[in-house]
Amino acid sequence: MANTNTEWISMSDKAIIYTIGKYIKHQRLSQNITQEKIAEIAGINRWTMSRIENGEAISLISLIQILRALNLLNVLDIFKIETQLSPLELARIEKQKRQRATTDGSIKQHESEW
């Protein structure tokens, strides 16, 4: 793995922006798409594409538009919040599940019309 969490932590903000720009440029070139075409798809100007690829800051909305144009929104999966149940909560829920059916007649039986 090229960049571990420790490396990101030790990087300056400017270095992180530079790394993101290089990633975008690499992905764009690997898809063989011009800056102008990505800018058009993303609804931004080519100057903004040039800025991020050269390691300059752009707005978050522009970054999202670029990632969408490159079909790379999956890189944002890290931001998903998934609720996880604790083992105790899971055990409590399992204990509450019905274990067997009742036969005491409390549930009305459907009478046949035959």
C-alpha atoms as a PDB file:
ATOM      1  CA  MET A   1       0.000   0.000   0.000  1.00  0.00           C
ATOM      2  CA  ALA A   2       1.555   3.258  -1.131  1.00  0.00           C
ATOM      3  CA  ASN A   3       0.028   5.647   1.405  1.00  0.00           C
ATOM      4  CA  THR A   4      -0.729   4.374   4.868  1.00  0.00           C
ATOM      5  CA  ASN A   5      -2.712   6.335   7.443  1.00  0.00           C
ATOM      6  CA  THR A   6       0.567   7.303   9.105  1.00  0.00           C
ATOM      7  CA  GLU A   7       1.818   8.863   5.876  1.00  0.00           C
ATOM      8  CA  TRP A   8      -1.376  10.911   5.452  1.00  0.00           C
ATOM      9  CA  ILE A   9      -1.093  12.146   9.021  1.00  0.00           C
ATOM     10  CA  SER A  10       2.486  13.273   8.543  1.00  0.00           C
ATOM     11  CA  MET A  11       1.722  15.113   5.287  1.00  0.00           C
ATOM     12  CA  SER A  12       0.997  18.834   5.152  1.00  0.00           C
ATOM     13  CA  ASP A  13      -2.333  20.008   3.756  1.00  0.00           C
ATOM     14  CA  LYS A  14      -0.560  21.213   0.637  1.00  0.00           C
ATOM     15  CA  ALA A  15       1.100  17.809   0.175  1.00  0.00           C
ATOM     16  CA  ILE A  16      -2.270  16.062   0.505  1.00  0.00           C
ATOM     17  CA  ILE A  17      -3.802  18.373  -2.117  1.00  0.00           C
ATOM     18  CA  TYR A  18      -0.822  17.659  -4.389  1.00  0.00           C
ATOM     19  CA  THR A  19      -1.301  13.888  -3.928  1.00  0.00           C
ATOM     20  CA  ILE A  20      -5.025  14.139  -4.702  1.00  0.00           C
ATOM     21  CA  GLY A  21      -4.224  16.144  -7.836  1.00  0.00           C
ATOM     22  CA  LYS A  22      -1.715  13.557  -9.016  1.00  0.00           C
ATOM     23  CA  TYR A  23      -4.265  10.798  -8.387  1.00  0.00           C
ATOM     24  CA  ILE A  24      -6.875  12.628 -10.464  1.00  0.00           C
ATOM     25  CA  LYS A  25      -4.398  13.238 -13.269  1.00  0.00           C
ATOM     26  CA  HIS A  26      -3.294   9.588 -13.235  1.00  0.00           C
ATOM     27  CA  GLN A  27      -6.912   8.376 -13.367  1.00  0.00           C
ATOM     28  CA  ARG A  28      -7.800  10.819 -16.148  1.00  0.00           C
ATOM     29  CA  LEU A  29      -4.819   9.791 -18.262  1.00  0.00           C
ATOM     30  CA  SER A  30      -5.448   6.078 -17.654  1.00  0.00           C
ATOM     31  CA  GLN A  31      -8.972   6.647 -19.017  1.00  0.00           C
ATOM     32  CA  ASN A  32      -7.444   8.592 -21.934  1.00  0.00           C
ATOM     33  CA  ILE A  33      -9.621  11.663 -21.390  1.00  0.00           C
ATOM     34  CA  THR A  34      -8.508  15.268 -21.837  1.00  0.00           C
ATOM     35  CA  GLN A  35      -8.764  17.891 -19.122  1.00  0.00           C
ATOM     36  CA  GLU A  36     -11.178  19.753 -21.357  1.00  0.00           C
ATOM     37  CA  LYS A  37     -13.501  16.743 -21.696  1.00  0.00           C
ATOM     38  CA  ILE A  38     -13.543  16.029 -17.941  1.00  0.00           C
ATOM     39  CA  ALA A  39     -14.193  19.711 -17.254  1.00  0.00           C
ATOM     40  CA  GLU A  40     -17.101  19.638 -19.699  1.00  0.00           C
ATOM     41  CA  ILE A  41     -18.596  16.473 -18.153  1.00  0.00           C
ATOM     42  CA  ALA A  42     -18.066  17.835 -14.629  1.00  0.00           C
ATOM     43  CA  GLY A  43     -19.555  21.216 -15.437  1.00  0.00           C
ATOM     44  CA  ILE A  44     -16.429  23.113 -14.413  1.00  0.00           C
ATOM     45  CA  ASN A  45     -13.864  25.060 -16.389  1.00  0.00           C
ATOM     46  CA  ARG A  46     -10.619  23.526 -17.646  1.00  0.00           C
ATOM     47  CA  TRP A  47      -8.676  25.943 -15.462  1.00  0.00           C
ATOM     48  CA  THR A  48     -10.095  24.213 -12.363  1.00  0.00           C
ATOM     49  CA  MET A  49      -8.959  20.825 -13.723  1.00  0.00           C
ATOM     50  CA  SER A  50      -5.521  22.248 -14.327  1.00  0.00           C
ATOM     51  CA  ARG A  51      -5.370  23.686 -10.794  1.00  0.00           C
ATOM     52  CA  ILE A  52      -6.107  20.410  -9.010  1.00  0.00           C
ATOM     53  CA  GLU A  53      -3.770  18.422 -11.247  1.00  0.00           C
ATOM     54  CA  ASN A  54      -1.017  20.933 -10.472  1.00  0.00           C
ATOM     55  CA  GLY A  55      -1.529  20.533  -6.731  1.00  0.00           C
ATOM     56  CA  GLU A  56      -3.545  23.689  -6.110  1.00  0.00           C
ATOM     57  CA  ALA A  57      -6.650  23.802  -3.934  1.00  0.00           C
ATOM     58  CA  ILE A  58     -10.127  23.705  -5.456  1.00  0.00           C
ATOM     59  CA  SER A  59     -13.563  23.640  -3.855  1.00  0.00           C
ATOM     60  CA  LEU A  60     -14.980  20.429  -2.451  1.00  0.00           C
ATOM     61  CA  ILE A  61     -17.921  20.612  -4.861  1.00  0.00           C
ATOM     62  CA  SER A  62     -15.509  20.809  -7.803  1.00  0.00           C
ATOM     63  CA  LEU A  63     -13.641  17.770  -6.491  1.00  0.00           C
ATOM     64  CA  ILE A  64     -16.900  15.808  -6.246  1.00  0.00           C
ATOM     65  CA  GLN A  65     -17.871  16.857  -9.780  1.00  0.00           C
ATOM     66  CA  ILE A  66     -14.475  15.710 -11.081  1.00  0.00           C
ATOM     67  CA  LEU A  67     -14.688  12.385  -9.249  1.00  0.00           C
ATOM     68  CA  ARG A  68     -18.183  11.887 -10.688  1.00  0.00           C
ATOM     69  CA  ALA A  69     -16.969  12.684 -14.218  1.00  0.00           C
ATOM     70  CA  LEU A  70     -14.142  10.154 -13.794  1.00  0.00           C
ATOM     71  CA  ASN A  71     -16.575   7.584 -12.337  1.00  0.00           C
ATOM     72  CA  LEU A  72     -14.538   7.546  -9.117  1.00  0.00           C
ATOM     73  CA  LEU A  73     -17.144   8.419  -6.491  1.00  0.00           C
ATOM     74  CA  ASN A  74     -16.381   5.065  -4.869  1.00  0.00           C
ATOM     75  CA  VAL A  75     -13.317   6.674  -3.264  1.00  0.00           C
ATOM     76  CA  LEU A  76     -15.801   8.425  -0.979  1.00  0.00           C
ATOM     77  CA  ASP A  77     -16.947   5.082   0.494  1.00  0.00           C
ATOM     78  CA  ILE A  78     -14.621   5.685   3.442  1.00  0.00           C
ATOM     79  CA  PHE A  79     -17.035   8.397   4.605  1.00  0.00           C
ATOM     80  CA  LYS A  80     -20.018   6.024   4.982  1.00  0.00           C
ATOM     81  CA  ILE A  81     -21.235   5.575   8.523  1.00  0.00           C
ATOM     82  CA  GLU A  82     -22.436   2.076   9.214  1.00  0.00           C
ATOM     83  CA  THR A  83     -24.127   1.299  12.470  1.00  0.00           C
ATOM     84  CA  GLN A  84     -22.748  -1.781  14.153  1.00  0.00           C
ATOM     85  CA  LEU A  85     -24.469  -3.562  16.981  1.00  0.00           C
ATOM     86  CA  SER A  86     -22.463  -4.536  20.005  1.00  0.00           C
ATOM     87  CA  PRO A  87     -22.337  -8.268  20.772  1.00  0.00           C
ATOM     88  CA  LEU A  88     -24.527  -7.649  23.844  1.00  0.00           C
ATOM     89  CA  GLU A  89     -27.167  -5.797  21.800  1.00  0.00           C
ATOM     90  CA  LEU A  90     -27.110  -8.520  19.149  1.00  0.00           C
ATOM     91  CA  ALA A  91     -27.589 -11.200  21.841  1.00  0.00           C
ATOM     92  CA  ARG A  92     -30.520  -9.243  23.323  1.00  0.00           C
ATOM     93  CA  ILE A  93     -32.215  -9.033  19.921  1.00  0.00           C
ATOM     94  CA  GLU A  94     -31.643 -12.739  19.279  1.00  0.00           C
ATOM     95  CA  LYS A  95     -33.151 -13.593  22.683  1.00  0.00           C
ATOM     96  CA  GLN A  96     -36.309 -11.630  21.829  1.00  0.00           C
ATOM     97  CA  LYS A  97     -36.925 -13.588  18.617  1.00  0.00           C
ATOM     98  CA  ARG A  98     -39.799 -16.036  18.688  1.00  0.00           C
ATOM     99  CA  GLN A  99     -38.540 -19.530  19.466  1.00  0.00           C
ATOM    100  CA  ARG A 100     -41.717 -21.538  18.784  1.00  0.00           C
ATOM    101  CA  ALA A 101     -45.288 -21.151  17.614  1.00  0.00           C
ATOM    102  CA  THR A 102     -48.189 -20.990  20.050  1.00  0.00           C
ATOM    103  CA  THR A 103     -51.039 -23.515  20.062  1.00  0.00           C
ATOM    104  CA  ASP A 104     -53.244 -22.008  22.746  1.00  0.00           C
ATOM    105  CA  GLY A 105     -55.859 -20.848  20.252  1.00  0.00           C
ATOM    106  CA  SER A 106     -55.137 -17.163  20.822  1.00  0.00           C
ATOM    107  CA  ILE A 107     -54.697 -16.821  17.107  1.00  0.00           C
ATOM    108  CA  LYS A 108     -57.974 -17.290  15.249  1.00  0.00           C
ATOM    109  CA  GLN A 109     -58.058 -20.293  12.999  1.00  0.00           C
ATOM    110  CA  HIS A 110     -59.488 -19.704   9.568  1.00  0.00           C
ATOM    111  CA  GLU A 111     -62.624 -21.776   9.180  1.00  0.00           C
ATOM    112  CA  SER A 112     -63.014 -23.537   5.929  1.00  0.00           C
ATOM    113  CA  GLU A 113     -66.033 -22.626   3.856  1.00  0.00           C
ATOM    114  CA  TRP A 114     -66.279 -26.171   2.585  1.00  0.00           C
END
